[in-house]
PDB file of N, CA and C in Angstrom:
ATOM      1  N   MET A   1       0.850  -1.170   0.000  1.00  0.00           N
ATOM      2  CA  MET A   1       0.000   0.000   0.000  1.00  0.00           C
ATOM      3  C   MET A   1       0.902   1.242   0.000  1.00  0.00           C
ATOM      4  N   VAL A   2       0.669   2.165  -0.946  1.00  0.00           N
ATOM      5  CA  VAL A   2       1.483   3.364  -1.100  1.00  0.00           C
ATOM      6  C   VAL A   2       0.606   4.589  -0.903  1.00  0.00           C
ATOM      7  N   GLU A   3       1.066   5.520  -0.048  1.00  0.00           N
ATOM      8  CA  GLU A   3       0.342   6.762   0.177  1.00  0.00           C
ATOM      9  C   GLU A   3       0.695   7.717  -0.964  1.00  0.00           C
ATOM     10  N   VAL A   4      -0.262   7.993  -1.837  1.00  0.00           N
ATOM     11  CA  VAL A   4      -0.022   8.794  -3.033  1.00  0.00           C
ATOM     12  C   VAL A   4      -0.114  10.281  -2.722  1.00  0.00           C
ATOM     13  N   SER A   5      -1.123  10.689  -1.990  1.00  0.00           N
ATOM     14  CA  SER A   5      -1.328  12.103  -1.697  1.00  0.00           C
ATOM     15  C   SER A   5      -1.614  12.283  -0.207  1.00  0.00           C
ATOM     16  N   PRO A   6      -0.568  12.566   0.595  1.00  0.00           N
ATOM     17  CA  PRO A   6      -0.789  12.674   2.039  1.00  0.00           C
ATOM     18  C   PRO A   6      -1.510  13.956   2.453  1.00  0.00           C
ATOM     19  N   THR A   7      -1.510  14.977   1.603  1.00  0.00           N
ATOM     20  CA  THR A   7      -2.122  16.255   1.984  1.00  0.00           C
ATOM     21  C   THR A   7      -3.624  16.283   1.733  1.00  0.00           C
ATOM     22  N   ALA A   8      -4.145  15.334   0.963  1.00  0.00           N
ATOM     23  CA  ALA A   8      -5.573  15.302   0.672  1.00  0.00           C
ATOM     24  C   ALA A   8      -6.355  14.909   1.923  1.00  0.00           C
ATOM     25  N   ASP A   9      -7.635  15.238   1.921  1.00  0.00           N
ATOM     26  CA  ASP A   9      -8.474  14.891   3.065  1.00  0.00           C
ATOM     27  C   ASP A   9      -9.595  14.001   2.578  1.00  0.00           C
ATOM     28  N   PRO A  10      -9.653  12.761   2.833  1.00  0.00           N
ATOM     29  CA  PRO A  10      -8.710  11.881   3.531  1.00  0.00           C
ATOM     30  C   PRO A  10      -7.509  11.561   2.629  1.00  0.00           C
ATOM     31  N   PRO A  11      -6.370  11.134   3.220  1.00  0.00           N
ATOM     32  CA  PRO A  11      -5.175  10.799   2.425  1.00  0.00           C
ATOM     33  C   PRO A  11      -5.473   9.682   1.424  1.00  0.00           C
ATOM     34  N   VAL A  12      -4.892   9.815   0.218  1.00  0.00           N
ATOM     35  CA  VAL A  12      -5.139   8.847  -0.856  1.00  0.00           C
ATOM     36  C   VAL A  12      -4.065   7.774  -0.824  1.00  0.00           C
ATOM     37  N   CYS A  13      -4.478   6.493  -0.821  1.00  0.00           N
ATOM     38  CA  CYS A  13      -3.556   5.358  -0.820  1.00  0.00           C
ATOM     39  C   CYS A  13      -3.939   4.415  -1.953  1.00  0.00           C
ATOM     40  N   ARG A  14      -2.911   3.724  -2.490  1.00  0.00           N
ATOM     41  CA  ARG A  14      -3.144   2.739  -3.553  1.00  0.00           C
ATOM     42  C   ARG A  14      -2.337   1.494  -3.243  1.00  0.00           C
ATOM     43  N   VAL A  15      -2.829   0.392  -3.739  1.00  0.00           N
ATOM     44  CA  VAL A  15      -2.090  -0.852  -3.627  1.00  0.00           C
ATOM     45  C   VAL A  15      -1.318  -0.993  -4.929  1.00  0.00           C
ATOM     46  N   MET A  16       0.037  -0.872  -4.825  1.00  0.00           N
ATOM     47  CA  MET A  16       0.871  -0.948  -6.019  1.00  0.00           C
ATOM     48  C   MET A  16       2.301  -1.283  -5.637  1.00  0.00           C
ATOM     49  N   ASP A  17       3.133  -1.510  -6.623  1.00  0.00           N
ATOM     50  CA  ASP A  17       4.540  -1.816  -6.418  1.00  0.00           C
ATOM     51  C   ASP A  17       5.264  -0.526  -5.999  1.00  0.00           C
ATOM     52  N   TYR A  18       5.855  -0.523  -4.800  1.00  0.00           N
ATOM     53  CA  TYR A  18       6.513   0.675  -4.266  1.00  0.00           C
ATOM     54  C   TYR A  18       7.726   1.073  -5.102  1.00  0.00           C
ATOM     55  N   GLY A  19       8.480   0.116  -5.618  1.00  0.00           N
ATOM     56  CA  GLY A  19       9.643   0.408  -6.467  1.00  0.00           C
ATOM     57  C   GLY A  19       9.234   1.118  -7.743  1.00  0.00           C
ATOM     58  N   LYS A  20       8.123   0.681  -8.342  1.00  0.00           N
ATOM     59  CA  LYS A  20       7.626   1.318  -9.562  1.00  0.00           C
ATOM     60  C   LYS A  20       7.161   2.743  -9.264  1.00  0.00           C
ATOM     61  N   PHE A  21       6.525   2.932  -8.109  1.00  0.00           N
ATOM     62  CA  PHE A  21       6.063   4.257  -7.707  1.00  0.00           C
ATOM     63  C   PHE A  21       7.246   5.217  -7.583  1.00  0.00           C
ATOM     64  N   LEU A  22       8.334   4.785  -6.920  1.00  0.00           N
ATOM     65  CA  LEU A  22       9.517   5.635  -6.763  1.00  0.00           C
ATOM     66  C   LEU A  22      10.165   5.935  -8.115  1.00  0.00           C
ATOM     67  N   TYR A  23      10.211   4.931  -9.005  1.00  0.00           N
ATOM     68  CA  TYR A  23      10.786   5.120 -10.333  1.00  0.00           C
ATOM     69  C   TYR A  23      10.001   6.172 -11.122  1.00  0.00           C
ATOM     70  N   ASP A  24       8.666   6.065 -11.118  1.00  0.00           N
ATOM     71  CA  ASP A  24       7.831   7.033 -11.840  1.00  0.00           C
ATOM     72  C   ASP A  24       7.974   8.436 -11.264  1.00  0.00           C
ATOM     73  N   LYS A  25       8.077   8.526  -9.929  1.00  0.00           N
ATOM     74  CA  LYS A  25       8.231   9.826  -9.281  1.00  0.00           C
ATOM     75  C   LYS A  25       9.562  10.475  -9.674  1.00  0.00           C
ATOM     76  N   ALA A  26      10.642   9.704  -9.677  1.00  0.00           N
ATOM     77  CA  ALA A  26      11.958  10.221 -10.069  1.00  0.00           C
ATOM     78  C   ALA A  26      11.968  10.625 -11.545  1.00  0.00           C
ATOM     79  N   LYS A  27      11.280   9.860 -12.379  1.00  0.00           N
ATOM     80  CA  LYS A  27      11.207  10.159 -13.808  1.00  0.00           C
ATOM     81  C   LYS A  27      10.503  11.491 -14.054  1.00  0.00           C
ATOM     82  N   LYS A  28       9.416  11.747 -13.330  1.00  0.00           N
ATOM     83  CA  LYS A  28       8.696  13.013 -13.454  1.00  0.00           C
ATOM     84  C   LYS A  28       9.568  14.188 -13.015  1.00  0.00           C
ATOM     85  N   GLU A  29      10.328  14.015 -11.939  1.00  0.00           N
ATOM     86  CA  GLU A  29      11.211  15.079 -11.457  1.00  0.00           C
ATOM     87  C   GLU A  29      12.298  15.398 -12.473  1.00  0.00           C
ATOM     88  N   ARG A  30      12.894  14.363 -13.079  1.00  0.00           N
ATOM     89  CA  ARG A  30      13.927  14.576 -14.107  1.00  0.00           C
ATOM     90  C   ARG A  30      13.368  15.329 -15.301  1.00  0.00           C
ATOM     91  N   LYS A  31      12.155  14.956 -15.703  1.00  0.00           N
ATOM     92  CA  LYS A  31      11.533  15.600 -16.860  1.00  0.00           C
ATOM     93  C   LYS A  31      11.231  17.070 -16.562  1.00  0.00           C
ATOM     94  N   SER A  32      10.747  17.384 -15.379  1.00  0.00           N
ATOM     95  CA  SER A  32      10.440  18.770 -15.042  1.00  0.00           C
ATOM     96  C   SER A  32      11.707  19.604 -14.909  1.00  0.00           C
ATOM     97  N   ARG A  33      12.795  19.001 -14.433  1.00  0.00           N
ATOM     98  CA  ARG A  33      14.070  19.712 -14.327  1.00  0.00           C
ATOM     99  C   ARG A  33      14.640  20.004 -15.706  1.00  0.00           C
ATOM    100  N   ALA A  34      14.500  19.074 -16.635  1.00  0.00           N
ATOM    101  CA  ALA A  34      15.025  19.250 -17.991  1.00  0.00           C
ATOM    102  C   ALA A  34      14.236  20.318 -18.737  1.00  0.00           C
ATOM    103  N   ALA A  35      12.969  20.485 -18.421  1.00  0.00           N
ATOM    104  CA  ALA A  35      12.135  21.466 -19.117  1.00  0.00           C
ATOM    105  C   ALA A  35      12.523  22.897 -18.753  1.00  0.00           C
ATOM    106  N   THR A  36      13.129  23.099 -17.596  1.00  0.00           N
ATOM    107  CA  THR A  36      13.463  24.456 -17.166  1.00  0.00           C
ATOM    108  C   THR A  36      14.845  24.910 -17.617  1.00  0.00           C
ATOM    109  N   ARG A  37      15.605  24.047 -18.287  1.00  0.00           N
ATOM    110  CA  ARG A  37      16.956  24.393 -18.734  1.00  0.00           C
ATOM    111  C   ARG A  37      16.892  25.456 -19.824  1.00  0.00           C
ATOM    112  N   THR A  38      17.660  26.541 -19.675  1.00  0.00           N
ATOM    113  CA  THR A  38      17.675  27.597 -20.676  1.00  0.00           C
ATOM    114  C   THR A  38      18.851  27.394 -21.610  1.00  0.00           C
ATOM    115  N   GLU A  39      18.660  27.801 -22.827  1.00  0.00           N
ATOM    116  CA  GLU A  39      19.687  27.677 -23.842  1.00  0.00           C
ATOM    117  C   GLU A  39      20.319  29.051 -24.040  1.00  0.00           C
ATOM    118  N   VAL A  40      21.591  29.079 -24.432  1.00  0.00           N
ATOM    119  CA  VAL A  40      22.275  30.340 -24.701  1.00  0.00           C
ATOM    120  C   VAL A  40      22.461  30.456 -26.206  1.00  0.00           C
ATOM    121  N   LYS A  41      21.815  31.458 -26.792  1.00  0.00           N
ATOM    122  CA  LYS A  41      21.935  31.731 -28.218  1.00  0.00           C
ATOM    123  C   LYS A  41      23.000  32.812 -28.396  1.00  0.00           C
ATOM    124  N   GLU A  42      23.663  32.800 -29.533  1.00  0.00           N
ATOM    125  CA  GLU A  42      24.731  33.775 -29.757  1.00  0.00           C
ATOM    126  C   GLU A  42      24.452  34.604 -31.006  1.00  0.00           C
ATOM    127  N   ILE A  43      24.656  35.902 -30.870  1.00  0.00           N
ATOM    128  CA  ILE A  43      24.547  36.839 -31.980  1.00  0.00           C
ATOM    129  C   ILE A  43      25.950  37.388 -32.219  1.00  0.00           C
ATOM    130  N   ARG A  44      26.457  37.271 -33.446  1.00  0.00           N
ATOM    131  CA  ARG A  44      27.814  37.732 -33.757  1.00  0.00           C
ATOM    132  C   ARG A  44      27.767  38.944 -34.673  1.00  0.00           C
ATOM    133  N   MET A  45      28.604  39.933 -34.348  1.00  0.00           N
ATOM    134  CA  MET A  45      28.716  41.141 -35.152  1.00  0.00           C
ATOM    135  C   MET A  45      30.180  41.546 -35.242  1.00  0.00           C
ATOM    136  N   ARG A  46      30.441  42.544 -36.062  1.00  0.00           N
ATOM    137  CA  ARG A  46      31.765  43.142 -36.169  1.00  0.00           C
ATOM    138  C   ARG A  46      31.617  44.630 -35.889  1.00  0.00           C
ATOM    139  N   PRO A  47      32.697  45.331 -35.567  1.00  0.00           N
ATOM    140  CA  PRO A  47      32.577  46.771 -35.328  1.00  0.00           C
ATOM    141  C   PRO A  47      32.059  47.544 -36.538  1.00  0.00           C
ATOM    142  N   LYS A  48      32.276  47.008 -37.742  1.00  0.00           N
ATOM    143  CA  LYS A  48      31.845  47.703 -38.963  1.00  0.00           C
ATOM    144  C   LYS A  48      30.504  47.200 -39.489  1.00  0.00           C
ATOM    145  N   THR A  49      29.745  46.447 -38.687  1.00  0.00           N
ATOM    146  CA  THR A  49      28.449  45.939 -39.117  1.00  0.00           C
ATOM    147  C   THR A  49      27.513  47.114 -39.382  1.00  0.00           C
ATOM    148  N   GLY A  50      26.809  47.081 -40.520  1.00  0.00           N
ATOM    149  CA  GLY A  50      25.914  48.170 -40.918  1.00  0.00           C
ATOM    150  C   GLY A  50      24.687  48.288 -40.036  1.00  0.00           C
ATOM    151  N   GLU A  51      24.052  49.453 -40.100  1.00  0.00           N
ATOM    152  CA  GLU A  51      22.887  49.744 -39.257  1.00  0.00           C
ATOM    153  C   GLU A  51      21.733  48.777 -39.521  1.00  0.00           C
ATOM    154  N   HIS A  52      21.465  48.501 -40.791  1.00  0.00           N
ATOM    155  CA  HIS A  52      20.358  47.617 -41.143  1.00  0.00           C
ATOM    156  C   HIS A  52      20.616  46.204 -40.627  1.00  0.00           C
ATOM    157  N   ASP A  53      21.862  45.744 -40.733  1.00  0.00           N
ATOM    158  CA  ASP A  53      22.209  44.409 -40.249  1.00  0.00           C
ATOM    159  C   ASP A  53      22.107  44.325 -38.728  1.00  0.00           C
ATOM    160  N   VAL A  54      22.493  45.390 -38.043  1.00  0.00           N
ATOM    161  CA  VAL A  54      22.378  45.429 -36.582  1.00  0.00           C
ATOM    162  C   VAL A  54      20.908  45.351 -36.176  1.00  0.00           C
ATOM    163  N   ALA A  55      20.032  46.025 -36.930  1.00  0.00           N
ATOM    164  CA  ALA A  55      18.596  45.982 -36.627  1.00  0.00           C
ATOM    165  C   ALA A  55      18.069  44.548 -36.754  1.00  0.00           C
ATOM    166  N   PHE A  56      18.540  43.820 -37.776  1.00  0.00           N
ATOM    167  CA  PHE A  56      18.136  42.421 -37.937  1.00  0.00           C
ATOM    168  C   PHE A  56      18.619  41.583 -36.761  1.00  0.00           C
ATOM    169  N   LYS A  57      19.871  41.798 -36.338  1.00  0.00           N
ATOM    170  CA  LYS A  57      20.430  41.034 -35.225  1.00  0.00           C
ATOM    171  C   LYS A  57      19.645  41.312 -33.940  1.00  0.00           C
ATOM    172  N   ILE A  58      19.269  42.568 -33.736  1.00  0.00           N
ATOM    173  CA  ILE A  58      18.495  42.933 -32.546  1.00  0.00           C
ATOM    174  C   ILE A  58      17.121  42.258 -32.585  1.00  0.00           C
ATOM    175  N   ARG A  59      16.522  42.210 -33.775  1.00  0.00           N
ATOM    176  CA  ARG A  59      15.218  41.555 -33.904  1.00  0.00           C
ATOM    177  C   ARG A  59      15.315  40.066 -33.567  1.00  0.00           C
ATOM    178  N   ASP A  60      16.377  39.420 -34.045  1.00  0.00           N
ATOM    179  CA  ASP A  60      16.580  38.003 -33.731  1.00  0.00           C
ATOM    180  C   ASP A  60      16.806  37.793 -32.238  1.00  0.00           C
ATOM    181  N   ALA A  61      17.617  38.673 -31.625  1.00  0.00           N
ATOM    182  CA  ALA A  61      17.886  38.565 -30.193  1.00  0.00           C
ATOM    183  C   ALA A  61      16.601  38.744 -29.385  1.00  0.00           C
ATOM    184  N   ARG A  62      15.751  39.665 -29.811  1.00  0.00           N
ATOM    185  CA  ARG A  62      14.467  39.888 -29.134  1.00  0.00           C
ATOM    186  C   ARG A  62      13.614  38.614 -29.190  1.00  0.00           C
ATOM    187  N   ARG A  63      13.612  37.946 -30.345  1.00  0.00           N
ATOM    188  CA  ARG A  63      12.851  36.707 -30.511  1.00  0.00           C
ATOM    189  C   ARG A  63      13.389  35.617 -29.585  1.00  0.00           C
ATOM    190  N   PHE A  64      14.724  35.508 -29.488  1.00  0.00           N
ATOM    191  CA  PHE A  64      15.332  34.512 -28.603  1.00  0.00           C
ATOM    192  C   PHE A  64      14.968  34.785 -27.146  1.00  0.00           C
ATOM    193  N   LEU A  65      15.050  36.063 -26.736  1.00  0.00           N
ATOM    194  CA  LEU A  65      14.762  36.421 -25.342  1.00  0.00           C
ATOM    195  C   LEU A  65      13.297  36.163 -24.999  1.00  0.00           C
ATOM    196  N   GLN A  66      12.398  36.474 -25.919  1.00  0.00           N
ATOM    197  CA  GLN A  66      10.985  36.227 -25.665  1.00  0.00           C
ATOM    198  C   GLN A  66      10.683  34.737 -25.614  1.00  0.00           C
ATOM    199  N   GLY A  67      11.525  33.939 -26.254  1.00  0.00           N
ATOM    200  CA  GLY A  67      11.376  32.491 -26.193  1.00  0.00           C
ATOM    201  C   GLY A  67      11.940  31.896 -24.912  1.00  0.00           C
ATOM    202  N   GLY A  68      12.557  32.723 -24.062  1.00  0.00           N
ATOM    203  CA  GLY A  68      13.067  32.261 -22.777  1.00  0.00           C
ATOM    204  C   GLY A  68      14.533  31.885 -22.786  1.00  0.00           C
ATOM    205  N   ASN A  69      15.261  32.159 -23.869  1.00  0.00           N
ATOM    206  CA  ASN A  69      16.680  31.829 -23.955  1.00  0.00           C
ATOM    207  C   ASN A  69      17.547  33.022 -23.579  1.00  0.00           C
ATOM    208  N   LYS A  70      18.741  32.734 -23.104  1.00  0.00           N
ATOM    209  CA  LYS A  70      19.717  33.791 -22.881  1.00  0.00           C
ATOM    210  C   LYS A  70      20.379  34.108 -24.212  1.00  0.00           C
ATOM    211  N   VAL A  71      20.906  35.325 -24.344  1.00  0.00           N
ATOM    212  CA  VAL A  71      21.553  35.749 -25.582  1.00  0.00           C
ATOM    213  C   VAL A  71      22.938  36.269 -25.271  1.00  0.00           C
ATOM    214  N   LYS A  72      23.920  35.757 -26.007  1.00  0.00           N
ATOM    215  CA  LYS A  72      25.297  36.226 -25.898  1.00  0.00           C
ATOM    216  C   LYS A  72      25.572  37.039 -27.157  1.00  0.00           C
ATOM    217  N   VAL A  73      25.790  38.353 -26.997  1.00  0.00           N
ATOM    218  CA  VAL A  73      26.068  39.231 -28.130  1.00  0.00           C
ATOM    219  C   VAL A  73      27.576  39.410 -28.203  1.00  0.00           C
ATOM    220  N   ARG A  74      28.168  38.977 -29.327  1.00  0.00           N
ATOM    221  CA  ARG A  74      29.619  38.984 -29.485  1.00  0.00           C
ATOM    222  C   ARG A  74      30.010  39.911 -30.630  1.00  0.00           C
ATOM    223  N   VAL A  75      30.990  40.796 -30.358  1.00  0.00           N
ATOM    224  CA  VAL A  75      31.577  41.641 -31.395  1.00  0.00           C
ATOM    225  C   VAL A  75      32.994  41.134 -31.608  1.00  0.00           C
ATOM    226  N   ARG A  76      33.244  40.585 -32.798  1.00  0.00           N
ATOM    227  CA  ARG A  76      34.551  39.998 -33.111  1.00  0.00           C
ATOM    228  C   ARG A  76      35.423  41.030 -33.820  1.00  0.00           C
ATOM    229  N   PHE A  77      36.673  41.100 -33.390  1.00  0.00           N
ATOM    230  CA  PHE A  77      37.637  42.028 -33.979  1.00  0.00           C
ATOM    231  C   PHE A  77      38.513  41.295 -34.978  1.00  0.00           C
ATOM    232  N   ARG A  78      38.855  41.981 -36.067  1.00  0.00           N
ATOM    233  CA  ARG A  78      39.812  41.454 -37.032  1.00  0.00           C
ATOM    234  C   ARG A  78      40.873  42.519 -37.280  1.00  0.00           C
ATOM    235  N   GLY A  79      42.109  42.067 -37.345  1.00  0.00           N
ATOM    236  CA  GLY A  79      43.199  42.989 -37.662  1.00  0.00           C
ATOM    237  C   GLY A  79      43.354  44.083 -36.620  1.00  0.00           C
ATOM    238  N   ARG A  80      43.431  45.309 -37.117  1.00  0.00           N
ATOM    239  CA  ARG A  80      43.676  46.456 -36.230  1.00  0.00           C
ATOM    240  C   ARG A  80      42.425  46.955 -35.513  1.00  0.00           C
ATOM    241  N   GLU A  81      41.282  46.349 -35.775  1.00  0.00           N
ATOM    242  CA  GLU A  81      40.048  46.773 -35.109  1.00  0.00           C
ATOM    243  C   GLU A  81      40.150  46.631 -33.592  1.00  0.00           C
ATOM    244  N   ILE A  82      41.000  45.726 -33.128  1.00  0.00           N
ATOM    245  CA  ILE A  82      41.110  45.470 -31.690  1.00  0.00           C
ATOM    246  C   ILE A  82      41.678  46.662 -30.931  1.00  0.00           C
ATOM    247  N   HIS A  83      42.305  47.600 -31.636  1.00  0.00           N
ATOM    248  CA  HIS A  83      42.846  48.794 -30.989  1.00  0.00           C
ATOM    249  C   HIS A  83      41.764  49.822 -30.671  1.00  0.00           C
ATOM    250  N   TYR A  84      40.520  49.570 -31.099  1.00  0.00           N
ATOM    251  CA  TYR A  84      39.418  50.501 -30.862  1.00  0.00           C
ATOM    252  C   TYR A  84      38.251  49.788 -30.175  1.00  0.00           C
ATOM    253  N   PRO A  85      38.457  49.339 -28.934  1.00  0.00           N
ATOM    254  CA  PRO A  85      37.385  48.610 -28.240  1.00  0.00           C
ATOM    255  C   PRO A  85      36.185  49.492 -27.904  1.00  0.00           C
ATOM    256  N   GLU A  86      36.367  50.805 -27.897  1.00  0.00           N
ATOM    257  CA  GLU A  86      35.252  51.702 -27.565  1.00  0.00           C
ATOM    258  C   GLU A  86      34.122  51.598 -28.597  1.00  0.00           C
ATOM    259  N   ILE A  87      34.463  51.249 -29.839  1.00  0.00           N
ATOM    260  CA  ILE A  87      33.429  51.059 -30.860  1.00  0.00           C
ATOM    261  C   ILE A  87      32.552  49.864 -30.478  1.00  0.00           C
ATOM    262  N   ALA A  88      33.179  48.783 -30.052  1.00  0.00           N
ATOM    263  CA  ALA A  88      32.427  47.583 -29.658  1.00  0.00           C
ATOM    264  C   ALA A  88      31.603  47.848 -28.403  1.00  0.00           C
ATOM    265  N   VAL A  89      32.171  48.583 -27.447  1.00  0.00           N
ATOM    266  CA  VAL A  89      31.436  48.888 -26.216  1.00  0.00           C
ATOM    267  C   VAL A  89      30.181  49.683 -26.542  1.00  0.00           C
ATOM    268  N   SER A  90      30.299  50.683 -27.419  1.00  0.00           N
ATOM    269  CA  SER A  90      29.132  51.492 -27.770  1.00  0.00           C
ATOM    270  C   SER A  90      28.088  50.654 -28.513  1.00  0.00           C
ATOM    271  N   LEU A  91      28.536  49.737 -29.369  1.00  0.00           N
ATOM    272  CA  LEU A  91      27.611  48.865 -30.098  1.00  0.00           C
ATOM    273  C   LEU A  91      26.880  47.930 -29.133  1.00  0.00           C
ATOM    274  N   LEU A  92      27.619  47.342 -28.194  1.00  0.00           N
ATOM    275  CA  LEU A  92      26.993  46.437 -27.219  1.00  0.00           C
ATOM    276  C   LEU A  92      26.033  47.191 -26.301  1.00  0.00           C
ATOM    277  N   GLU A  93      26.393  48.413 -25.904  1.00  0.00           N
ATOM    278  CA  GLU A  93      25.498  49.214 -25.055  1.00  0.00           C
ATOM    279  C   GLU A  93      24.218  49.557 -25.804  1.00  0.00           C
ATOM    280  N   ARG A  94      24.362  49.838 -27.104  1.00  0.00           N
ATOM    281  CA  ARG A  94      23.189  50.167 -27.915  1.00  0.00           C
ATOM    282  C   ARG A  94      22.255  48.962 -28.021  1.00  0.00           C
ATOM    283  N   VAL A  95      22.817  47.789 -28.250  1.00  0.00           N
ATOM    284  CA  VAL A  95      22.011  46.573 -28.344  1.00  0.00           C
ATOM    285  C   VAL A  95      21.301  46.310 -27.012  1.00  0.00           C
ATOM    286  N   ALA A  96      22.032  46.444 -25.910  1.00  0.00           N
ATOM    287  CA  ALA A  96      21.436  46.204 -24.591  1.00  0.00           C
ATOM    288  C   ALA A  96      20.330  47.218 -24.296  1.00  0.00           C
ATOM    289  N   ALA A  97      20.530  48.466 -24.713  1.00  0.00           N
ATOM    290  CA  ALA A  97      19.515  49.499 -24.478  1.00  0.00           C
ATOM    291  C   ALA A  97      18.248  49.224 -25.288  1.00  0.00           C
ATOM    292  N   GLU A  98      18.411  48.774 -26.523  1.00  0.00           N
ATOM    293  CA  GLU A  98      17.238  48.499 -27.359  1.00  0.00           C
ATOM    294  C   GLU A  98      16.478  47.258 -26.894  1.00  0.00           C
ATOM    295  N   LEU A  99      17.167  46.353 -26.207  1.00  0.00           N
ATOM    296  CA  LEU A  99      16.516  45.133 -25.713  1.00  0.00           C
ATOM    297  C   LEU A  99      16.172  45.226 -24.232  1.00  0.00           C
ATOM    298  N   ALA A 100      16.265  46.415 -23.646  1.00  0.00           N
ATOM    299  CA  ALA A 100      16.043  46.580 -22.208  1.00  0.00           C
ATOM    300  C   ALA A 100      14.629  46.203 -21.778  1.00  0.00           C
ATOM    301  N   ASP A 101      13.650  46.320 -22.679  1.00  0.00           N
ATOM    302  CA  ASP A 101      12.274  46.003 -22.302  1.00  0.00           C
ATOM    303  C   ASP A 101      12.033  44.499 -22.157  1.00  0.00           C
ATOM    304  N   VAL A 102      12.856  43.664 -22.793  1.00  0.00           N
ATOM    305  CA  VAL A 102      12.663  42.211 -22.710  1.00  0.00           C
ATOM    306  C   VAL A 102      13.837  41.495 -22.053  1.00  0.00           C
ATOM    307  N   SER A 103      14.869  42.239 -21.617  1.00  0.00           N
ATOM    308  CA  SER A 103      16.045  41.569 -21.068  1.00  0.00           C
ATOM    309  C   SER A 103      16.680  42.382 -19.944  1.00  0.00           C
ATOM    310  N   THR A 104      17.564  41.686 -19.222  1.00  0.00           N
ATOM    311  CA  THR A 104      18.425  42.330 -18.238  1.00  0.00           C
ATOM    312  C   THR A 104      19.855  41.906 -18.547  1.00  0.00           C
ATOM    313  N   ILE A 105      20.799  42.770 -18.236  1.00  0.00           N
ATOM    314  CA  ILE A 105      22.201  42.453 -18.489  1.00  0.00           C
ATOM    315  C   ILE A 105      22.679  41.521 -17.395  1.00  0.00           C
ATOM    316  N   GLU A 106      23.035  40.297 -17.778  1.00  0.00           N
ATOM    317  CA  GLU A 106      23.540  39.323 -16.817  1.00  0.00           C
ATOM    318  C   GLU A 106      25.025  39.532 -16.579  1.00  0.00           C
ATOM    319  N   LYS A 107      25.761  39.843 -17.635  1.00  0.00           N
ATOM    320  CA  LYS A 107      27.193  40.087 -17.523  1.00  0.00           C
ATOM    321  C   LYS A 107      27.549  41.237 -18.446  1.00  0.00           C
ATOM    322  N   LYS A 108      28.161  42.287 -17.890  1.00  0.00           N
ATOM    323  CA  LYS A 108      28.521  43.465 -18.683  1.00  0.00           C
ATOM    324  C   LYS A 108      29.579  43.125 -19.722  1.00  0.00           C
ATOM    325  N   ALA A 109      29.838  44.078 -20.611  1.00  0.00           N
ATOM    326  CA  ALA A 109      30.789  43.872 -21.709  1.00  0.00           C
ATOM    327  C   ALA A 109      32.171  43.526 -21.163  1.00  0.00           C
ATOM    328  N   TYR A 110      32.738  42.443 -21.704  1.00  0.00           N
ATOM    329  CA  TYR A 110      34.076  42.027 -21.301  1.00  0.00           C
ATOM    330  C   TYR A 110      34.783  41.419 -22.501  1.00  0.00           C
ATOM    331  N   MET A 111      36.129  41.435 -22.446  1.00  0.00           N
ATOM    332  CA  MET A 111      36.938  40.903 -23.530  1.00  0.00           C
ATOM    333  C   MET A 111      37.149  39.405 -23.322  1.00  0.00           C
ATOM    334  N   GLU A 112      37.098  38.670 -24.415  1.00  0.00           N
ATOM    335  CA  GLU A 112      37.396  37.244 -24.403  1.00  0.00           C
ATOM    336  C   GLU A 112      38.163  36.958 -25.694  1.00  0.00           C
ATOM    337  N   GLY A 113      39.472  36.911 -25.585  1.00  0.00           N
ATOM    338  CA  GLY A 113      40.294  36.716 -26.774  1.00  0.00           C
ATOM    339  C   GLY A 113      40.226  37.927 -27.678  1.00  0.00           C
ATOM    340  N   ARG A 114      39.894  37.720 -28.936  1.00  0.00           N
ATOM    341  CA  ARG A 114      39.786  38.816 -29.902  1.00  0.00           C
ATOM    342  C   ARG A 114      38.344  39.276 -30.080  1.00  0.00           C
ATOM    343  N   SER A 115      37.517  39.050 -29.081  1.00  0.00           N
ATOM    344  CA  SER A 115      36.131  39.501 -29.173  1.00  0.00           C
ATOM    345  C   SER A 115      35.682  40.084 -27.835  1.00  0.00           C
ATOM    346  N   MET A 116      34.647  40.906 -27.917  1.00  0.00           N
ATOM    347  CA  MET A 116      34.044  41.510 -26.723  1.00  0.00           C
ATOM    348  C   MET A 116      32.592  41.061 -26.707  1.00  0.00           C
ATOM    349  N   LEU A 117      32.119  40.681 -25.523  1.00  0.00           N
ATOM    350  CA  LEU A 117      30.744  40.212 -25.472  1.00  0.00           C
ATOM    351  C   LEU A 117      30.009  40.648 -24.225  1.00  0.00           C
ATOM    352  N   VAL A 118      28.686  40.551 -24.334  1.00  0.00           N
ATOM    353  CA  VAL A 118      27.777  40.850 -23.234  1.00  0.00           C
ATOM    354  C   VAL A 118      26.728  39.740 -23.226  1.00  0.00           C
ATOM    355  N   ILE A 119      26.277  39.353 -22.021  1.00  0.00           N
ATOM    356  CA  ILE A 119      25.277  38.292 -21.903  1.00  0.00           C
ATOM    357  C   ILE A 119      23.984  38.905 -21.378  1.00  0.00           C
ATOM    358  N   LEU A 120      22.899  38.654 -22.104  1.00  0.00           N
ATOM    359  CA  LEU A 120      21.578  39.162 -21.741  1.00  0.00           C
ATOM    360  C   LEU A 120      20.686  38.000 -21.336  1.00  0.00           C
ATOM    361  N   ALA A 121      19.945  38.178 -20.255  1.00  0.00           N
ATOM    362  CA  ALA A 121      18.998  37.167 -19.786  1.00  0.00           C
ATOM    363  C   ALA A 121      17.587  37.699 -19.959  1.00  0.00           C
ATOM    364  N   PRO A 122      16.611  36.822 -20.168  1.00  0.00           N
ATOM    365  CA  PRO A 122      15.233  37.285 -20.314  1.00  0.00           C
ATOM    366  C   PRO A 122      14.769  37.997 -19.044  1.00  0.00           C
ATOM    367  N   ALA A 123      14.018  39.072 -19.224  1.00  0.00           N
ATOM    368  CA  ALA A 123      13.490  39.820 -18.082  1.00  0.00           C
ATOM    369  C   ALA A 123      12.435  38.991 -17.381  1.00  0.00           C
ATOM    370  N   VAL A 124      12.328  39.146 -16.072  1.00  0.00           N
ATOM    371  CA  VAL A 124      11.340  38.408 -15.284  1.00  0.00           C
ATOM    372  C   VAL A 124       9.981  39.018 -15.570  1.00  0.00           C
ATOM    373  N   GLN A 125       9.030  38.172 -15.993  1.00  0.00           N
ATOM    374  CA  GLN A 125       7.679  38.638 -16.309  1.00  0.00           C
ATOM    375  C   GLN A 125       6.892  38.817 -15.017  1.00  0.00           C
ATOM    376  N   LYS A 126       6.178  39.933 -14.902  1.00  0.00           N
ATOM    377  CA  LYS A 126       5.374  40.207 -13.699  1.00  0.00           C
ATOM    378  C   LYS A 126       3.941  39.818 -13.923  1.00  0.00           C
TER     379      LYS A 126
END
């Protein structure tokens, strides 16, 4: 006899295999934990990316954030572009500002090799 719902009035009990009950309970917990896993999508740009292309990238990032995924916005440097990181910082700040209504900045702009990136997380819905 297995007590299925102890909080109910009266408590619910069933006659069943206790090992099977524990297995099914663990399986449900694993499935619910896997459903809450967020994916990290990446948007790549360059310091010389055109305005129209940046608008497309922002639109895609907005779609990812509304879908519940985190977004990593990366500005990759080539050649001598790395000597002007302020261009990338301004581009990343602009992207973060335009997505402020659907996201929060999880990690501010930082250098990683020859690229600078910022990580945006979906905003908490009220």
